[in-house]
Amino acid sequence: MSEAPINARAQILNGIRRSLRRGEISGDQRHDVETRLAAPPRGPVVARAQLAQPEKVDLFCQWAETNNATVARVAAADVAAEVVSFLARNNLPARAAMAPSPQLADYDWAGQKMLSLRHGRGEASDQVSITGAFAGIAETGTLVTASGPDHPVTLNLLPDTHIVVIREEDIVSGYEDVWVRLRARYGKDRMPRTVNTLTGPSRTGDIEQAMELGAHGPRRMHIVVVRT
């Protein structure tokens, strides 16, 4: 069973080598590649996000709202209550599909008696999803999610409303910081299958250059930033 993926990978790489008319690299070339992979160089750094953590969080929230998301900054004890309040403010049903994530488990969901939660992947019938986030990027107000058993990627895409809970401490300056955190969390050859970057709700301006929300995913995004 385990040989099939390895053989498929080898076939793809061998096909690339044939098109390049060469075999596996060796010697200095191989050493240079292995050195780069062991310590990847960082890309450009955007100056506006090089801030102390409180200002970094402020910048993230500012850009998230600019990108048509709504933002609430609350204490950990108030996360579940804020979710219920948001649903009520927007005339949404008090039920949601939630990621089966330990990151979300400690909030007081049980204290919200009117809220009905189903844990697991997103389904076409779900109107609301609740997930965590691997990181937030202050530079652009972008959320980063990593797929896995605790975060089915369908929760990012299928429901019309996506509620994301993120801790202040998980907000970083720029994209390069995210890749460093991913490598530190997962390690070599263990990266998540999918890393999604979510900058506000889904949108398109392709039709008559008129902006439409909800084009390829949620039309509404609410970000709950948890004070730490």
C-alpha atoms as a PDB file:
ATOM      1  CA  MET A   1       0.000   0.000   0.000  1.00  0.00           C
ATOM      2  CA  SER A   2       2.750   2.457   0.955  1.00  0.00           C
ATOM      3  CA  GLU A   3       4.721   1.891  -2.280  1.00  0.00           C
ATOM      4  CA  ALA A   4       2.112   3.426  -4.615  1.00  0.00           C
ATOM      5  CA  PRO A   5       2.613   7.094  -3.564  1.00  0.00           C
ATOM      6  CA  ILE A   6       6.396   6.653  -3.650  1.00  0.00           C
ATOM      7  CA  ASN A   7       6.271   5.158  -7.149  1.00  0.00           C
ATOM      8  CA  ALA A   8       3.934   7.921  -8.376  1.00  0.00           C
ATOM      9  CA  ARG A   9       6.284  10.555  -6.974  1.00  0.00           C
ATOM     10  CA  ALA A  10       9.277   8.871  -8.613  1.00  0.00           C
ATOM     11  CA  GLN A  11       7.462   8.741 -11.963  1.00  0.00           C
ATOM     12  CA  ILE A  12       6.677  12.462 -11.822  1.00  0.00           C
ATOM     13  CA  LEU A  13      10.259  13.395 -10.889  1.00  0.00           C
ATOM     14  CA  ASN A  14      11.711  11.100 -13.551  1.00  0.00           C
ATOM     15  CA  GLY A  15       9.440  12.724 -16.129  1.00  0.00           C
ATOM     16  CA  ILE A  16      10.761  16.151 -15.127  1.00  0.00           C
ATOM     17  CA  ARG A  17      14.349  14.932 -15.354  1.00  0.00           C
ATOM     18  CA  ARG A  18      13.736  13.515 -18.832  1.00  0.00           C
ATOM     19  CA  SER A  19      12.326  16.846 -20.019  1.00  0.00           C
ATOM     20  CA  LEU A  20      15.418  18.580 -18.603  1.00  0.00           C
ATOM     21  CA  ARG A  21      17.634  15.911 -20.183  1.00  0.00           C
ATOM     22  CA  ARG A  22      19.522  15.120 -17.029  1.00  0.00           C
ATOM     23  CA  GLY A  23      19.562  12.656 -14.142  1.00  0.00           C
ATOM     24  CA  GLU A  24      19.572  13.267 -10.387  1.00  0.00           C
ATOM     25  CA  ILE A  25      21.800  16.118  -9.302  1.00  0.00           C
ATOM     26  CA  SER A  26      24.920  15.336  -7.288  1.00  0.00           C
ATOM     27  CA  GLY A  27      28.075  16.926  -5.954  1.00  0.00           C
ATOM     28  CA  ASP A  28      28.097  20.677  -5.398  1.00  0.00           C
ATOM     29  CA  GLN A  29      24.663  21.132  -6.960  1.00  0.00           C
ATOM     30  CA  ARG A  30      23.060  18.682  -4.555  1.00  0.00           C
ATOM     31  CA  HIS A  31      24.893  20.229  -1.616  1.00  0.00           C
ATOM     32  CA  ASP A  32      23.638  23.706  -2.568  1.00  0.00           C
ATOM     33  CA  VAL A  33      20.039  22.484  -2.804  1.00  0.00           C
ATOM     34  CA  GLU A  34      20.193  20.620   0.517  1.00  0.00           C
ATOM     35  CA  THR A  35      21.724  23.658   2.213  1.00  0.00           C
ATOM     36  CA  ARG A  36      18.952  25.907   0.908  1.00  0.00           C
ATOM     37  CA  LEU A  37      16.238  23.476   2.000  1.00  0.00           C
ATOM     38  CA  ALA A  38      17.779  23.116   5.467  1.00  0.00           C
ATOM     39  CA  ALA A  39      17.867  26.897   6.010  1.00  0.00           C
ATOM     40  CA  PRO A  40      15.509  28.590   3.524  1.00  0.00           C
ATOM     41  CA  PRO A  41      16.325  32.255   2.923  1.00  0.00           C
ATOM     42  CA  ARG A  42      13.675  34.768   3.952  1.00  0.00           C
ATOM     43  CA  GLY A  43      11.966  36.872   1.326  1.00  0.00           C
ATOM     44  CA  PRO A  44      11.375  40.639   1.411  1.00  0.00           C
ATOM     45  CA  VAL A  45      10.099  42.132   4.670  1.00  0.00           C
ATOM     46  CA  VAL A  46       7.351  44.766   4.578  1.00  0.00           C
ATOM     47  CA  ALA A  47       8.324  47.609   6.896  1.00  0.00           C
ATOM     48  CA  ARG A  48       4.779  48.626   7.897  1.00  0.00           C
ATOM     49  CA  ALA A  49       4.250  45.367   9.798  1.00  0.00           C
ATOM     50  CA  GLN A  50       7.492  45.444  11.805  1.00  0.00           C
ATOM     51  CA  LEU A  51       5.771  46.498  15.010  1.00  0.00           C
ATOM     52  CA  ALA A  52       5.400  45.593  18.654  1.00  0.00           C
ATOM     53  CA  GLN A  53       2.753  42.918  19.172  1.00  0.00           C
ATOM     54  CA  PRO A  54      -0.110  45.246  20.283  1.00  0.00           C
ATOM     55  CA  GLU A  55       0.354  47.478  17.225  1.00  0.00           C
ATOM     56  CA  LYS A  56       0.699  44.380  15.054  1.00  0.00           C
ATOM     57  CA  VAL A  57      -2.709  43.179  16.243  1.00  0.00           C
ATOM     58  CA  ASP A  58      -4.189  46.620  15.589  1.00  0.00           C
ATOM     59  CA  LEU A  59      -2.815  46.598  12.028  1.00  0.00           C
ATOM     60  CA  PHE A  60      -4.186  43.111  11.369  1.00  0.00           C
ATOM     61  CA  CYS A  61      -7.660  44.167  12.507  1.00  0.00           C
ATOM     62  CA  GLN A  62      -7.503  47.350  10.431  1.00  0.00           C
ATOM     63  CA  TRP A  63      -6.637  45.482   7.248  1.00  0.00           C
ATOM     64  CA  ALA A  64      -9.140  42.691   7.922  1.00  0.00           C
ATOM     65  CA  GLU A  65     -11.929  45.255   8.123  1.00  0.00           C
ATOM     66  CA  THR A  66     -10.636  46.996   4.994  1.00  0.00           C
ATOM     67  CA  ASN A  67     -10.987  43.630   3.276  1.00  0.00           C
ATOM     68  CA  ASN A  68     -14.701  43.388   4.179  1.00  0.00           C
ATOM     69  CA  ALA A  69     -14.362  41.141   7.229  1.00  0.00           C
ATOM     70  CA  THR A  70     -15.874  42.125  10.567  1.00  0.00           C
ATOM     71  CA  VAL A  71     -13.724  41.930  13.692  1.00  0.00           C
ATOM     72  CA  ALA A  72     -14.442  41.568  17.405  1.00  0.00           C
ATOM     73  CA  ARG A  73     -11.715  41.639  20.056  1.00  0.00           C
ATOM     74  CA  VAL A  74     -12.748  39.768  23.183  1.00  0.00           C
ATOM     75  CA  ALA A  75     -11.423  37.907  26.209  1.00  0.00           C
ATOM     76  CA  ALA A  76     -11.267  34.114  26.021  1.00  0.00           C
ATOM     77  CA  ALA A  77     -14.250  33.843  28.376  1.00  0.00           C
ATOM     78  CA  ASP A  78     -16.404  35.802  25.904  1.00  0.00           C
ATOM     79  CA  VAL A  79     -15.601  33.988  22.646  1.00  0.00           C
ATOM     80  CA  ALA A  80     -18.695  31.785  22.549  1.00  0.00           C
ATOM     81  CA  ALA A  81     -20.974  34.643  23.581  1.00  0.00           C
ATOM     82  CA  GLU A  82     -19.552  36.825  20.793  1.00  0.00           C
ATOM     83  CA  VAL A  83     -20.243  34.095  18.228  1.00  0.00           C
ATOM     84  CA  VAL A  84     -23.872  33.822  19.349  1.00  0.00           C
ATOM     85  CA  SER A  85     -24.213  37.616  19.354  1.00  0.00           C
ATOM     86  CA  PHE A  86     -22.813  37.843  15.820  1.00  0.00           C
ATOM     87  CA  LEU A  87     -25.257  35.218  14.566  1.00  0.00           C
ATOM     88  CA  ALA A  88     -28.152  37.084  16.161  1.00  0.00           C
ATOM     89  CA  ARG A  89     -27.038  40.458  14.771  1.00  0.00           C
ATOM     90  CA  ASN A  90     -27.022  39.014  11.275  1.00  0.00           C
ATOM     91  CA  ASN A  91     -30.273  37.042  11.574  1.00  0.00           C
ATOM     92  CA  LEU A  92     -28.412  33.754  11.197  1.00  0.00           C
ATOM     93  CA  PRO A  93     -29.460  30.462  12.794  1.00  0.00           C
ATOM     94  CA  ALA A  94     -27.772  29.589  16.082  1.00  0.00           C
ATOM     95  CA  ARG A  95     -26.133  26.487  14.674  1.00  0.00           C
ATOM     96  CA  ALA A  96     -22.800  25.879  12.991  1.00  0.00           C
ATOM     97  CA  ALA A  97     -20.306  23.302  11.806  1.00  0.00           C
ATOM     98  CA  MET A  98     -17.171  23.622  13.932  1.00  0.00           C
ATOM     99  CA  ALA A  99     -13.654  22.356  13.382  1.00  0.00           C
ATOM    100  CA  PRO A 100     -12.807  19.501  15.789  1.00  0.00           C
ATOM    101  CA  SER A 101      -9.792  21.461  16.999  1.00  0.00           C
ATOM    102  CA  PRO A 102      -8.262  21.453  20.485  1.00  0.00           C
ATOM    103  CA  GLN A 103      -7.620  25.147  19.844  1.00  0.00           C
ATOM    104  CA  LEU A 104     -11.380  25.767  20.055  1.00  0.00           C
ATOM    105  CA  ALA A 105     -12.311  23.244  22.734  1.00  0.00           C
ATOM    106  CA  ASP A 106     -11.544  25.409  25.782  1.00  0.00           C
ATOM    107  CA  TYR A 107     -14.049  28.150  25.010  1.00  0.00           C
ATOM    108  CA  ASP A 108     -17.400  28.138  26.827  1.00  0.00           C
ATOM    109  CA  TRP A 109     -19.594  26.696  24.092  1.00  0.00           C
ATOM    110  CA  ALA A 110     -21.636  24.722  26.605  1.00  0.00           C
ATOM    111  CA  GLY A 111     -22.634  27.975  28.284  1.00  0.00           C
ATOM    112  CA  GLN A 112     -24.516  29.038  25.148  1.00  0.00           C
ATOM    113  CA  LYS A 113     -27.621  26.915  25.487  1.00  0.00           C
ATOM    114  CA  MET A 114     -29.217  28.132  22.262  1.00  0.00           C
ATOM    115  CA  LEU A 115     -26.143  27.342  20.124  1.00  0.00           C
ATOM    116  CA  SER A 116     -26.112  24.007  18.291  1.00  0.00           C
ATOM    117  CA  LEU A 117     -22.700  22.788  17.101  1.00  0.00           C
ATOM    118  CA  ARG A 118     -21.771  19.894  14.850  1.00  0.00           C
ATOM    119  CA  HIS A 119     -18.086  18.954  14.785  1.00  0.00           C
ATOM    120  CA  GLY A 120     -16.530  17.789  11.535  1.00  0.00           C
ATOM    121  CA  ARG A 121     -16.186  18.687   7.894  1.00  0.00           C
ATOM    122  CA  GLY A 122     -18.261  21.322   6.140  1.00  0.00           C
ATOM    123  CA  GLU A 123     -21.294  20.213   4.172  1.00  0.00           C
ATOM    124  CA  ALA A 124     -23.195  21.971   1.403  1.00  0.00           C
ATOM    125  CA  SER A 125     -26.153  22.432   3.761  1.00  0.00           C
ATOM    126  CA  ASP A 126     -24.116  24.306   6.413  1.00  0.00           C
ATOM    127  CA  GLN A 127     -24.807  28.022   6.645  1.00  0.00           C
ATOM    128  CA  VAL A 128     -22.106  28.812   9.235  1.00  0.00           C
ATOM    129  CA  SER A 129     -18.692  27.380  10.058  1.00  0.00           C
ATOM    130  CA  ILE A 130     -16.422  28.073  13.028  1.00  0.00           C
ATOM    131  CA  THR A 131     -12.695  27.412  12.779  1.00  0.00           C
ATOM    132  CA  GLY A 132      -9.434  28.471  14.314  1.00  0.00           C
ATOM    133  CA  ALA A 133      -6.497  29.808  12.334  1.00  0.00           C
ATOM    134  CA  PHE A 134      -2.858  28.854  12.197  1.00  0.00           C
ATOM    135  CA  ALA A 135      -1.823  32.506  11.964  1.00  0.00           C
ATOM    136  CA  GLY A 136      -2.923  36.009  11.060  1.00  0.00           C
ATOM    137  CA  ILE A 137      -0.797  38.321   8.906  1.00  0.00           C
ATOM    138  CA  ALA A 138      -0.687  41.952  10.027  1.00  0.00           C
ATOM    139  CA  GLU A 139       0.754  43.107   6.705  1.00  0.00           C
ATOM    140  CA  THR A 140      -2.504  42.367   4.824  1.00  0.00           C
ATOM    141  CA  GLY A 141      -5.149  41.289   7.371  1.00  0.00           C
ATOM    142  CA  THR A 142      -4.911  37.747   6.020  1.00  0.00           C
ATOM    143  CA  LEU A 143      -5.772  34.555   7.905  1.00  0.00           C
ATOM    144  CA  VAL A 144      -3.749  31.389   7.363  1.00  0.00           C
ATOM    145  CA  THR A 145      -5.266  27.957   7.931  1.00  0.00           C
ATOM    146  CA  ALA A 146      -3.601  24.551   7.730  1.00  0.00           C
ATOM    147  CA  SER A 147      -5.686  21.542   6.736  1.00  0.00           C
ATOM    148  CA  GLY A 148      -5.751  18.358   8.772  1.00  0.00           C
ATOM    149  CA  PRO A 149      -8.023  16.193  10.937  1.00  0.00           C
ATOM    150  CA  ASP A 150      -8.595  19.170  13.269  1.00  0.00           C
ATOM    151  CA  HIS A 151      -9.386  21.577  10.407  1.00  0.00           C
ATOM    152  CA  PRO A 152     -11.230  20.115   7.397  1.00  0.00           C
ATOM    153  CA  VAL A 153     -10.644  22.510   4.510  1.00  0.00           C
ATOM    154  CA  THR A 154     -14.323  22.322   3.489  1.00  0.00           C
ATOM    155  CA  LEU A 155     -15.135  24.516   6.501  1.00  0.00           C
ATOM    156  CA  ASN A 156     -13.267  27.358   4.774  1.00  0.00           C
ATOM    157  CA  LEU A 157     -15.203  27.054   1.536  1.00  0.00           C
ATOM    158  CA  LEU A 158     -18.741  25.672   1.743  1.00  0.00           C
ATOM    159  CA  PRO A 159     -20.694  27.643   4.375  1.00  0.00           C
ATOM    160  CA  ASP A 160     -21.914  31.115   3.455  1.00  0.00           C
ATOM    161  CA  THR A 161     -20.577  32.537   6.735  1.00  0.00           C
ATOM    162  CA  HIS A 162     -17.130  31.755   8.142  1.00  0.00           C
ATOM    163  CA  ILE A 163     -16.323  32.646  11.758  1.00  0.00           C
ATOM    164  CA  VAL A 164     -12.629  32.453  12.598  1.00  0.00           C
ATOM    165  CA  VAL A 165     -11.235  32.506  16.134  1.00  0.00           C
ATOM    166  CA  ILE A 166      -7.598  33.589  16.410  1.00  0.00           C
ATOM    167  CA  ARG A 167      -5.434  34.426  19.401  1.00  0.00           C
ATOM    168  CA  GLU A 168      -3.493  37.689  19.466  1.00  0.00           C
ATOM    169  CA  GLU A 169      -0.274  35.741  19.952  1.00  0.00           C
ATOM    170  CA  ASP A 170      -0.793  33.991  16.591  1.00  0.00           C
ATOM    171  CA  ILE A 171      -0.756  37.258  14.639  1.00  0.00           C
ATOM    172  CA  VAL A 172       2.589  37.757  12.907  1.00  0.00           C
ATOM    173  CA  SER A 173       4.102  40.517  10.818  1.00  0.00           C
ATOM    174  CA  GLY A 174       4.275  39.031   7.329  1.00  0.00           C
ATOM    175  CA  TYR A 175       4.060  35.966   5.125  1.00  0.00           C
ATOM    176  CA  GLU A 176       7.662  34.948   5.718  1.00  0.00           C
ATOM    177  CA  ASP A 177       6.914  34.557   9.435  1.00  0.00           C
ATOM    178  CA  VAL A 178       4.151  32.090   8.586  1.00  0.00           C
ATOM    179  CA  TRP A 179       6.490  29.786   6.679  1.00  0.00           C
ATOM    180  CA  VAL A 180       8.929  29.819   9.593  1.00  0.00           C
ATOM    181  CA  ARG A 181       6.103  28.851  11.978  1.00  0.00           C
ATOM    182  CA  LEU A 182       4.862  26.123   9.635  1.00  0.00           C
ATOM    183  CA  ARG A 183       8.300  24.543   9.388  1.00  0.00           C
ATOM    184  CA  ALA A 184       8.722  24.727  13.159  1.00  0.00           C
ATOM    185  CA  ARG A 185       5.270  23.217  13.822  1.00  0.00           C
ATOM    186  CA  TYR A 186       5.244  20.411  11.247  1.00  0.00           C
ATOM    187  CA  GLY A 187       8.877  19.727  10.382  1.00  0.00           C
ATOM    188  CA  LYS A 188      10.524  18.506   7.210  1.00  0.00           C
ATOM    189  CA  ASP A 189       8.338  16.347   4.939  1.00  0.00           C
ATOM    190  CA  ARG A 190       5.344  16.730   7.264  1.00  0.00           C
ATOM    191  CA  MET A 191       3.755  19.926   5.994  1.00  0.00           C
ATOM    192  CA  PRO A 192      -0.059  20.046   5.835  1.00  0.00           C
ATOM    193  CA  ARG A 193      -1.648  19.052   2.547  1.00  0.00           C
ATOM    194  CA  THR A 194      -3.257  22.475   2.133  1.00  0.00           C
ATOM    195  CA  VAL A 195      -2.320  25.905   3.470  1.00  0.00           C
ATOM    196  CA  ASN A 196      -5.060  28.453   2.739  1.00  0.00           C
ATOM    197  CA  THR A 197      -4.608  32.214   2.912  1.00  0.00           C
ATOM    198  CA  LEU A 198      -7.947  33.967   3.472  1.00  0.00           C
ATOM    199  CA  THR A 199      -8.109  37.720   3.003  1.00  0.00           C
ATOM    200  CA  GLY A 200     -11.681  38.660   3.867  1.00  0.00           C
ATOM    201  CA  PRO A 201     -14.739  36.961   2.366  1.00  0.00           C
ATOM    202  CA  SER A 202     -14.632  35.458  -1.109  1.00  0.00           C
ATOM    203  CA  ARG A 203     -15.070  37.992  -3.903  1.00  0.00           C
ATOM    204  CA  THR A 204     -14.669  38.620  -7.608  1.00  0.00           C
ATOM    205  CA  GLY A 205     -14.699  41.664  -9.855  1.00  0.00           C
ATOM    206  CA  ASP A 206     -14.549  39.709 -13.118  1.00  0.00           C
ATOM    207  CA  ILE A 207     -18.101  40.505 -14.232  1.00  0.00           C
ATOM    208  CA  GLU A 208     -18.412  44.094 -15.460  1.00  0.00           C
ATOM    209  CA  GLN A 209     -15.745  45.059 -12.880  1.00  0.00           C
ATOM    210  CA  ALA A 210     -18.430  45.057 -10.169  1.00  0.00           C
ATOM    211  CA  MET A 211     -17.293  43.555  -6.866  1.00  0.00           C
ATOM    212  CA  GLU A 212     -19.394  40.561  -5.811  1.00  0.00           C
ATOM    213  CA  LEU A 213     -18.931  38.814  -2.459  1.00  0.00           C
ATOM    214  CA  GLY A 214     -19.316  35.063  -2.070  1.00  0.00           C
ATOM    215  CA  ALA A 215     -17.988  34.175  -5.503  1.00  0.00           C
ATOM    216  CA  HIS A 216     -15.988  31.055  -4.624  1.00  0.00           C
ATOM    217  CA  GLY A 217     -16.596  30.683  -0.897  1.00  0.00           C
ATOM    218  CA  PRO A 218     -18.115  32.501   2.092  1.00  0.00           C
ATOM    219  CA  ARG A 219     -19.716  35.881   1.444  1.00  0.00           C
ATOM    220  CA  ARG A 220     -19.383  36.824   5.114  1.00  0.00           C
ATOM    221  CA  MET A 221     -16.329  36.513   7.402  1.00  0.00           C
ATOM    222  CA  HIS A 222     -16.248  37.363  11.099  1.00  0.00           C
ATOM    223  CA  ILE A 223     -12.922  37.267  12.951  1.00  0.00           C
ATOM    224  CA  VAL A 224     -12.885  36.872  16.711  1.00  0.00           C
ATOM    225  CA  VAL A 225      -9.505  38.046  18.029  1.00  0.00           C
ATOM    226  CA  VAL A 226      -8.873  36.611  21.484  1.00  0.00           C
ATOM    227  CA  ARG A 227      -6.925  38.813  23.890  1.00  0.00           C
ATOM    228  CA  THR A 228      -3.955  37.130  25.531  1.00  0.00           C
END
